[in-house]
Full PDB file with SEQRES, HELIX, SHEET, SSBOND, CRYST1, ORIGX, SCALE, CONECT and MASTER records, all heavy atoms in Angstrom:
SEQRES   1 A   33  GLN VAL GLN LEU VAL GLU SER GLY GLY GLY LEU VAL GLN          
SEQRES   2 A   33  ALA GLY GLY SER LEU ARG LEU SER CYS ALA ALA SER GLY          
SEQRES   3 A   33  PHE THR PHE SER MET TYR ALA                                  
HELIX    1 AA1 PHE A   29  MET A   31  5                                   3    
SHEET    1 AA1 2 GLN A   3  SER A   7  0                                        
SHEET    2 AA1 2 SER A  21  SER A  25 -1                                        
CRYST1    1.000    1.000    1.000  90.00  90.00  90.00 P 1           1          
ORIGX1      1.000000  0.000000  0.000000        0.00000                         
ORIGX2      0.000000  1.000000  0.000000        0.00000                         
ORIGX3      0.000000  0.000000  1.000000        0.00000                         
SCALE1      1.000000  0.000000  0.000000        0.00000                         
SCALE2      0.000000  1.000000  0.000000        0.00000                         
SCALE3      0.000000  0.000000  1.000000        0.00000                         
ATOM      1  N   GLN A   1      93.791  73.290 109.987  1.00  0.00           N  
ATOM      2  CA  GLN A   1      92.744  73.387 108.999  1.00  0.00           C  
ATOM      3  C   GLN A   1      92.769  74.771 108.367  1.00  0.00           C  
ATOM      4  O   GLN A   1      93.328  75.711 108.928  1.00  0.00           O  
ATOM      5  CB  GLN A   1      91.370  73.092 109.626  1.00  0.00           C  
ATOM      6  CG  GLN A   1      90.846  74.172 110.546  1.00  0.00           C  
ATOM      7  CD  GLN A   1      91.391  74.079 111.934  1.00  0.00           C  
ATOM      8  OE1 GLN A   1      92.432  73.477 112.172  1.00  0.00           O  
ATOM      9  NE2 GLN A   1      90.734  74.702 112.897  1.00  0.00           N  
ATOM     10  N   VAL A   2      92.114  74.870 107.232  1.00  0.00           N  
ATOM     11  CA  VAL A   2      92.089  76.143 106.515  1.00  0.00           C  
ATOM     12  C   VAL A   2      91.291  77.175 107.295  1.00  0.00           C  
ATOM     13  O   VAL A   2      90.196  76.906 107.785  1.00  0.00           O  
ATOM     14  CB  VAL A   2      91.472  75.962 105.109  1.00  0.00           C  
ATOM     15  CG1 VAL A   2      91.202  77.303 104.445  1.00  0.00           C  
ATOM     16  CG2 VAL A   2      92.378  75.092 104.234  1.00  0.00           C  
ATOM     17  N   GLN A   3      91.877  78.367 107.433  1.00  0.00           N  
ATOM     18  CA  GLN A   3      91.169  79.497 108.042  1.00  0.00           C  
ATOM     19  C   GLN A   3      91.338  80.720 107.161  1.00  0.00           C  
ATOM     20  O   GLN A   3      92.448  81.012 106.704  1.00  0.00           O  
ATOM     21  CB  GLN A   3      91.714  79.790 109.423  1.00  0.00           C  
ATOM     22  CG  GLN A   3      91.034  79.023 110.552  1.00  0.00           C  
ATOM     23  CD  GLN A   3      91.235  79.677 111.907  1.00  0.00           C  
ATOM     24  OE1 GLN A   3      92.331  80.013 112.279  1.00  0.00           O  
ATOM     25  NE2 GLN A   3      90.138  79.871 112.623  1.00  0.00           N  
ATOM     26  N   LEU A   4      90.215  81.391 106.939  1.00  0.00           N  
ATOM     27  CA  LEU A   4      90.209  82.638 106.181  1.00  0.00           C  
ATOM     28  C   LEU A   4      89.475  83.668 107.035  1.00  0.00           C  
ATOM     29  O   LEU A   4      88.314  83.472 107.377  1.00  0.00           O  
ATOM     30  CB  LEU A   4      89.500  82.436 104.842  1.00  0.00           C  
ATOM     31  CG  LEU A   4      90.124  81.388 103.917  1.00  0.00           C  
ATOM     32  CD1 LEU A   4      89.146  80.952 102.846  1.00  0.00           C  
ATOM     33  CD2 LEU A   4      91.402  81.948 103.299  1.00  0.00           C  
ATOM     34  N   VAL A   5      90.170  84.743 107.384  1.00  0.00           N  
ATOM     35  CA  VAL A   5      89.606  85.763 108.260  1.00  0.00           C  
ATOM     36  C   VAL A   5      89.622  87.106 107.570  1.00  0.00           C  
ATOM     37  O   VAL A   5      90.693  87.701 107.375  1.00  0.00           O  
ATOM     38  CB  VAL A   5      90.374  85.825 109.596  1.00  0.00           C  
ATOM     39  CG1 VAL A   5      89.739  86.871 110.511  1.00  0.00           C  
ATOM     40  CG2 VAL A   5      90.387  84.457 110.281  1.00  0.00           C  
ATOM     41  N   GLU A   6      88.435  87.560 107.200  1.00  0.00           N  
ATOM     42  CA  GLU A   6      88.294  88.851 106.510  1.00  0.00           C  
ATOM     43  C   GLU A   6      88.078  89.973 107.515  1.00  0.00           C  
ATOM     44  O   GLU A   6      87.456  89.771 108.561  1.00  0.00           O  
ATOM     45  CB  GLU A   6      87.109  88.812 105.542  1.00  0.00           C  
ATOM     46  CG  GLU A   6      87.203  87.738 104.467  1.00  0.00           C  
ATOM     47  CD  GLU A   6      86.556  86.416 104.854  1.00  0.00           C  
ATOM     48  OE1 GLU A   6      86.212  86.241 106.042  1.00  0.00           O  
ATOM     49  OE2 GLU A   6      86.393  85.551 103.979  1.00  0.00           O  
ATOM     50  N   SER A   7      88.584  91.149 107.193  1.00  0.00           N  
ATOM     51  CA  SER A   7      88.412  92.314 108.053  1.00  0.00           C  
ATOM     52  C   SER A   7      88.528  93.580 107.208  1.00  0.00           C  
ATOM     53  O   SER A   7      88.918  93.528 106.046  1.00  0.00           O  
ATOM     54  CB  SER A   7      89.465  92.322 109.161  1.00  0.00           C  
ATOM     55  OG  SER A   7      90.763  92.413 108.606  1.00  0.00           O  
ATOM     56  N   GLY A   8      88.167  94.704 107.825  1.00  0.00           N  
ATOM     57  CA  GLY A   8      88.337  95.990 107.164  1.00  0.00           C  
ATOM     58  C   GLY A   8      87.081  96.617 106.618  1.00  0.00           C  
ATOM     59  O   GLY A   8      87.106  97.735 106.107  1.00  0.00           O  
ATOM     60  N   GLY A   9      85.951  95.911 106.708  1.00  0.00           N  
ATOM     61  CA  GLY A   9      84.716  96.467 106.212  1.00  0.00           C  
ATOM     62  C   GLY A   9      84.211  97.582 107.110  1.00  0.00           C  
ATOM     63  O   GLY A   9      84.786  97.884 108.158  1.00  0.00           O  
ATOM     64  N   GLY A  10      83.124  98.198 106.688  1.00  0.00           N  
ATOM     65  CA  GLY A  10      82.530  99.267 107.478  1.00  0.00           C  
ATOM     66  C   GLY A  10      81.516 100.041 106.681  1.00  0.00           C  
ATOM     67  O   GLY A  10      81.102  99.630 105.588  1.00  0.00           O  
ATOM     68  N   LEU A  11      81.100 101.173 107.261  1.00  0.00           N  
ATOM     69  CA  LEU A  11      80.128 102.058 106.628  1.00  0.00           C  
ATOM     70  C   LEU A  11      80.886 103.243 106.049  1.00  0.00           C  
ATOM     71  O   LEU A  11      81.671 103.895 106.752  1.00  0.00           O  
ATOM     72  CB  LEU A  11      79.103 102.519 107.660  1.00  0.00           C  
ATOM     73  CG  LEU A  11      78.114 103.598 107.217  1.00  0.00           C  
ATOM     74  CD1 LEU A  11      77.236 103.072 106.089  1.00  0.00           C  
ATOM     75  CD2 LEU A  11      77.271 104.053 108.398  1.00  0.00           C  
ATOM     76  N   VAL A  12      80.640 103.528 104.790  1.00  0.00           N  
ATOM     77  CA  VAL A  12      81.343 104.626 104.111  1.00  0.00           C  
ATOM     78  C   VAL A  12      80.378 105.312 103.157  1.00  0.00           C  
ATOM     79  O   VAL A  12      79.440 104.683 102.645  1.00  0.00           O  
ATOM     80  CB  VAL A  12      82.587 104.080 103.365  1.00  0.00           C  
ATOM     81  CG1 VAL A  12      82.193 103.114 102.252  1.00  0.00           C  
ATOM     82  CG2 VAL A  12      83.462 105.194 102.841  1.00  0.00           C  
ATOM     83  N   GLN A  13      80.594 106.588 102.939  1.00  0.00           N  
ATOM     84  CA  GLN A  13      79.762 107.321 101.982  1.00  0.00           C  
ATOM     85  C   GLN A  13      80.193 107.002 100.564  1.00  0.00           C  
ATOM     86  O   GLN A  13      81.346 106.637 100.309  1.00  0.00           O  
ATOM     87  CB  GLN A  13      79.868 108.809 102.245  1.00  0.00           C  
ATOM     88  CG  GLN A  13      79.152 109.277 103.490  1.00  0.00           C  
ATOM     89  CD  GLN A  13      79.057 110.793 103.582  1.00  0.00           C  
ATOM     90  OE1 GLN A  13      79.934 111.502 103.089  1.00  0.00           O  
ATOM     91  NE2 GLN A  13      78.002 111.284 104.216  1.00  0.00           N  
ATOM     92  N   ALA A  14      79.268 107.158  99.645  1.00  0.00           N  
ATOM     93  CA  ALA A  14      79.590 106.981  98.231  1.00  0.00           C  
ATOM     94  C   ALA A  14      80.765 107.869  97.862  1.00  0.00           C  
ATOM     95  O   ALA A  14      80.846 109.025  98.272  1.00  0.00           O  
ATOM     96  CB  ALA A  14      78.374 107.309  97.379  1.00  0.00           C  
ATOM     97  N   GLY A  15      81.678 107.292  97.090  1.00  0.00           N  
ATOM     98  CA  GLY A  15      82.896 107.998  96.712  1.00  0.00           C  
ATOM     99  C   GLY A  15      84.062 107.747  97.633  1.00  0.00           C  
ATOM    100  O   GLY A  15      85.207 108.102  97.320  1.00  0.00           O  
ATOM    101  N   GLY A  16      83.788 107.124  98.766  1.00  0.00           N  
ATOM    102  CA  GLY A  16      84.837 106.851  99.738  1.00  0.00           C  
ATOM    103  C   GLY A  16      85.625 105.593  99.420  1.00  0.00           C  
ATOM    104  O   GLY A  16      85.434 104.957  98.369  1.00  0.00           O  
ATOM    105  N   SER A  17      86.520 105.250 100.339  1.00  0.00           N  
ATOM    106  CA  SER A  17      87.429 104.127 100.139  1.00  0.00           C  
ATOM    107  C   SER A  17      87.463 103.231 101.373  1.00  0.00           C  
ATOM    108  O   SER A  17      87.240 103.687 102.494  1.00  0.00           O  
ATOM    109  CB  SER A  17      88.854 104.622  99.864  1.00  0.00           C  
ATOM    110  OG  SER A  17      88.920 105.391  98.693  1.00  0.00           O  
ATOM    111  N   LEU A  18      87.754 101.973 101.145  1.00  0.00           N  
ATOM    112  CA  LEU A  18      88.000 101.001 102.202  1.00  0.00           C  
ATOM    113  C   LEU A  18      89.080 100.048 101.723  1.00  0.00           C  
ATOM    114  O   LEU A  18      89.227  99.806 100.507  1.00  0.00           O  
ATOM    115  CB  LEU A  18      86.749 100.195 102.540  1.00  0.00           C  
ATOM    116  CG  LEU A  18      85.655 100.862 103.360  1.00  0.00           C  
ATOM    117  CD1 LEU A  18      84.421  99.962 103.418  1.00  0.00           C  
ATOM    118  CD2 LEU A  18      86.139 101.181 104.767  1.00  0.00           C  
ATOM    119  N   ARG A  19      89.815  99.477 102.673  1.00  0.00           N  
ATOM    120  CA  ARG A  19      90.798  98.451 102.354  1.00  0.00           C  
ATOM    121  C   ARG A  19      90.465  97.197 103.153  1.00  0.00           C  
ATOM    122  O   ARG A  19      90.513  97.226 104.392  1.00  0.00           O  
ATOM    123  CB  ARG A  19      92.207  98.915 102.685  1.00  0.00           C  
ATOM    124  CG  ARG A  19      93.286  97.960 102.180  1.00  0.00           C  
ATOM    125  CD  ARG A  19      94.617  98.269 102.825  1.00  0.00           C  
ATOM    126  NE  ARG A  19      95.739  97.625 102.152  1.00  0.00           N  
ATOM    127  CZ  ARG A  19      96.883  97.320 102.749  1.00  0.00           C  
ATOM    128  NH1 ARG A  19      97.065  97.602 104.026  1.00  0.00           N  
ATOM    129  NH2 ARG A  19      97.864  96.757 102.053  1.00  0.00           N  
ATOM    130  N   LEU A  20      90.137  96.151 102.447  1.00  0.00           N  
ATOM    131  CA  LEU A  20      89.826  94.878 103.077  1.00  0.00           C  
ATOM    132  C   LEU A  20      91.077  94.028 103.169  1.00  0.00           C  
ATOM    133  O   LEU A  20      91.951  94.087 102.290  1.00  0.00           O  
ATOM    134  CB  LEU A  20      88.757  94.137 102.292  1.00  0.00           C  
ATOM    135  CG  LEU A  20      87.465  94.879 102.001  1.00  0.00           C  
ATOM    136  CD1 LEU A  20      86.465  93.938 101.293  1.00  0.00           C  
ATOM    137  CD2 LEU A  20      86.856  95.462 103.254  1.00  0.00           C  
ATOM    138  N   SER A  21      91.138  93.207 104.215  1.00  0.00           N  
ATOM    139  CA  SER A  21      92.241  92.260 104.389  1.00  0.00           C  
ATOM    140  C   SER A  21      91.668  90.867 104.601  1.00  0.00           C  
ATOM    141  O   SER A  21      90.582  90.718 105.168  1.00  0.00           O  
ATOM    142  CB  SER A  21      93.097  92.635 105.595  1.00  0.00           C  
ATOM    143  OG  SER A  21      93.677  93.907 105.453  1.00  0.00           O  
ATOM    144  N   CYS A  22      92.410  89.883 104.174  1.00  0.00           N  
ATOM    145  CA  CYS A  22      92.041  88.488 104.409  1.00  0.00           C  
ATOM    146  C   CYS A  22      93.292  87.746 104.856  1.00  0.00           C  
ATOM    147  O   CYS A  22      94.229  87.565 104.065  1.00  0.00           O  
ATOM    148  CB  CYS A  22      91.474  87.868 103.145  1.00  0.00           C  
ATOM    149  SG  CYS A  22      91.290  86.069 103.227  1.00  0.00           S  
ATOM    150  N   ALA A  23      93.301  87.342 106.106  1.00  0.00           N  
ATOM    151  CA  ALA A  23      94.417  86.575 106.666  1.00  0.00           C  
ATOM    152  C   ALA A  23      94.139  85.097 106.486  1.00  0.00           C  
ATOM    153  O   ALA A  23      93.088  84.608 106.932  1.00  0.00           O  
ATOM    154  CB  ALA A  23      94.602  86.914 108.128  1.00  0.00           C  
ATOM    155  N   ALA A  24      95.059  84.406 105.849  1.00  0.00           N  
ATOM    156  CA  ALA A  24      94.861  82.998 105.535  1.00  0.00           C  
ATOM    157  C   ALA A  24      95.841  82.128 106.319  1.00  0.00           C  
ATOM    158  O   ALA A  24      96.975  82.537 106.602  1.00  0.00           O  
ATOM    159  CB  ALA A  24      95.063  82.772 104.035  1.00  0.00           C  
ATOM    160  N   SER A  25      95.398  80.926 106.657  1.00  0.00           N  
ATOM    161  CA  SER A  25      96.254  79.960 107.340  1.00  0.00           C  
ATOM    162  C   SER A  25      95.776  78.550 107.038  1.00  0.00           C  
ATOM    163  O   SER A  25      94.649  78.363 106.568  1.00  0.00           O  
ATOM    164  CB  SER A  25      96.273  80.205 108.856  1.00  0.00           C  
ATOM    165  OG  SER A  25      94.984  80.080 109.389  1.00  0.00           O  
ATOM    166  N   GLY A  26      96.648  77.582 107.280  1.00  0.00           N  
ATOM    167  CA  GLY A  26      96.272  76.181 107.088  1.00  0.00           C  
ATOM    168  C   GLY A  26      96.593  75.629 105.718  1.00  0.00           C  
ATOM    169  O   GLY A  26      96.265  74.464 105.437  1.00  0.00           O  
ATOM    170  N   PHE A  27      97.195  76.431 104.862  1.00  0.00           N  
ATOM    171  CA  PHE A  27      97.612  75.959 103.540  1.00  0.00           C  
ATOM    172  C   PHE A  27      98.791  76.821 103.083  1.00  0.00           C  
ATOM    173  O   PHE A  27      99.091  77.882 103.657  1.00  0.00           O  
ATOM    174  CB  PHE A  27      96.452  76.027 102.544  1.00  0.00           C  
ATOM    175  CG  PHE A  27      95.904  77.397 102.272  1.00  0.00           C  
ATOM    176  CD1 PHE A  27      96.257  78.098 101.136  1.00  0.00           C  
ATOM    177  CD2 PHE A  27      95.014  77.994 103.164  1.00  0.00           C  
ATOM    178  CE1 PHE A  27      95.747  79.365 100.874  1.00  0.00           C  
ATOM    179  CE2 PHE A  27      94.499  79.266 102.928  1.00  0.00           C  
ATOM    180  CZ  PHE A  27      94.868  79.952 101.779  1.00  0.00           C  
ATOM    181  N   THR A  28      99.459  76.361 102.025  1.00  0.00           N  
ATOM    182  CA  THR A  28     100.619  77.093 101.515  1.00  0.00           C  
ATOM    183  C   THR A  28     100.132  78.243 100.649  1.00  0.00           C  
ATOM    184  O   THR A  28      99.910  78.113  99.437  1.00  0.00           O  
ATOM    185  CB  THR A  28     101.534  76.148 100.711  1.00  0.00           C  
ATOM    186  OG1 THR A  28     101.867  75.008 101.510  1.00  0.00           O  
ATOM    187  CG2 THR A  28     102.839  76.878 100.340  1.00  0.00           C  
ATOM    188  N   PHE A  29      99.976  79.390 101.274  1.00  0.00           N  
ATOM    189  CA  PHE A  29      99.331  80.562 100.668  1.00  0.00           C  
ATOM    190  C   PHE A  29      99.967  80.927  99.334  1.00  0.00           C  
ATOM    191  O   PHE A  29      99.259  81.217  98.368  1.00  0.00           O  
ATOM    192  CB  PHE A  29      99.448  81.716 101.657  1.00  0.00           C  
ATOM    193  CG  PHE A  29      98.822  82.996 101.191  1.00  0.00           C  
ATOM    194  CD1 PHE A  29      97.450  83.201 101.283  1.00  0.00           C  
ATOM    195  CD2 PHE A  29      99.610  84.031 100.678  1.00  0.00           C  
ATOM    196  CE1 PHE A  29      96.873  84.397 100.868  1.00  0.00           C  
ATOM    197  CE2 PHE A  29      99.049  85.214 100.256  1.00  0.00           C  
ATOM    198  CZ  PHE A  29      97.675  85.406 100.347  1.00  0.00           C  
ATOM    199  N   SER A  30     101.286  80.921  99.262  1.00  0.00           N  
ATOM    200  CA  SER A  30     101.969  81.393  98.065  1.00  0.00           C  
ATOM    201  C   SER A  30     101.717  80.495  96.850  1.00  0.00           C  
ATOM    202  O   SER A  30     102.015  80.914  95.713  1.00  0.00           O  
ATOM    203  CB  SER A  30     103.472  81.495  98.331  1.00  0.00           C  
ATOM    204  OG  SER A  30     104.000  80.232  98.666  1.00  0.00           O  
ATOM    205  N   MET A  31     101.196  79.310  97.062  1.00  0.00           N  
ATOM    206  CA  MET A  31     100.964  78.363  95.975  1.00  0.00           C  
ATOM    207  C   MET A  31      99.552  78.451  95.384  1.00  0.00           C  
ATOM    208  O   MET A  31      99.219  77.680  94.498  1.00  0.00           O  
ATOM    209  CB  MET A  31     101.200  76.927  96.478  1.00  0.00           C  
ATOM    210  CG  MET A  31     102.594  76.696  96.987  1.00  0.00           C  
ATOM    211  SD  MET A  31     103.822  76.692  95.692  1.00  0.00           S  
ATOM    212  CE  MET A  31     103.461  75.136  94.909  1.00  0.00           C  
ATOM    213  N   TYR A  32      98.742  79.370  95.894  1.00  0.00           N  
ATOM    214  CA  TYR A  32      97.356  79.485  95.467  1.00  0.00           C  
ATOM    215  C   TYR A  32      97.024  80.877  94.940  1.00  0.00           C  
ATOM    216  O   TYR A  32      97.458  81.881  95.514  1.00  0.00           O  
ATOM    217  CB  TYR A  32      96.396  79.192  96.623  1.00  0.00           C  
ATOM    218  CG  TYR A  32      96.281  77.744  96.999  1.00  0.00           C  
ATOM    219  CD1 TYR A  32      97.253  77.128  97.787  1.00  0.00           C  
ATOM    220  CD2 TYR A  32      95.202  76.979  96.576  1.00  0.00           C  
ATOM    221  CE1 TYR A  32      97.151  75.788  98.121  1.00  0.00           C  
ATOM    222  CE2 TYR A  32      95.086  75.640  96.933  1.00  0.00           C  
ATOM    223  CZ  TYR A  32      96.066  75.059  97.701  1.00  0.00           C  
ATOM    224  OH  TYR A  32      95.959  73.738  98.052  1.00  0.00           O  
ATOM    225  N   ALA A  33      96.251  80.887  93.864  1.00  0.00           N  
ATOM    226  CA  ALA A  33      95.588  82.132  93.493  1.00  0.00           C  
ATOM    227  C   ALA A  33      94.552  82.430  94.581  1.00  0.00           C  
ATOM    228  O   ALA A  33      94.015  81.527  95.207  1.00  0.00           O  
ATOM    229  CB  ALA A  33      94.893  81.977  92.139  1.00  0.00           C  
TER     230      ALA A  33                                                      
MASTER        0    0    0    1    2    0    0    6  229    1    0    3          
END                                                                             
């Protein structure tokens, strides 16, 4: 089945940076926007 797992969030001060990730499974990822 389709699974979408987001990670990378957190607490940051204004002006800072974060990088979010989303690991997908259960479908042909390369065929989807």
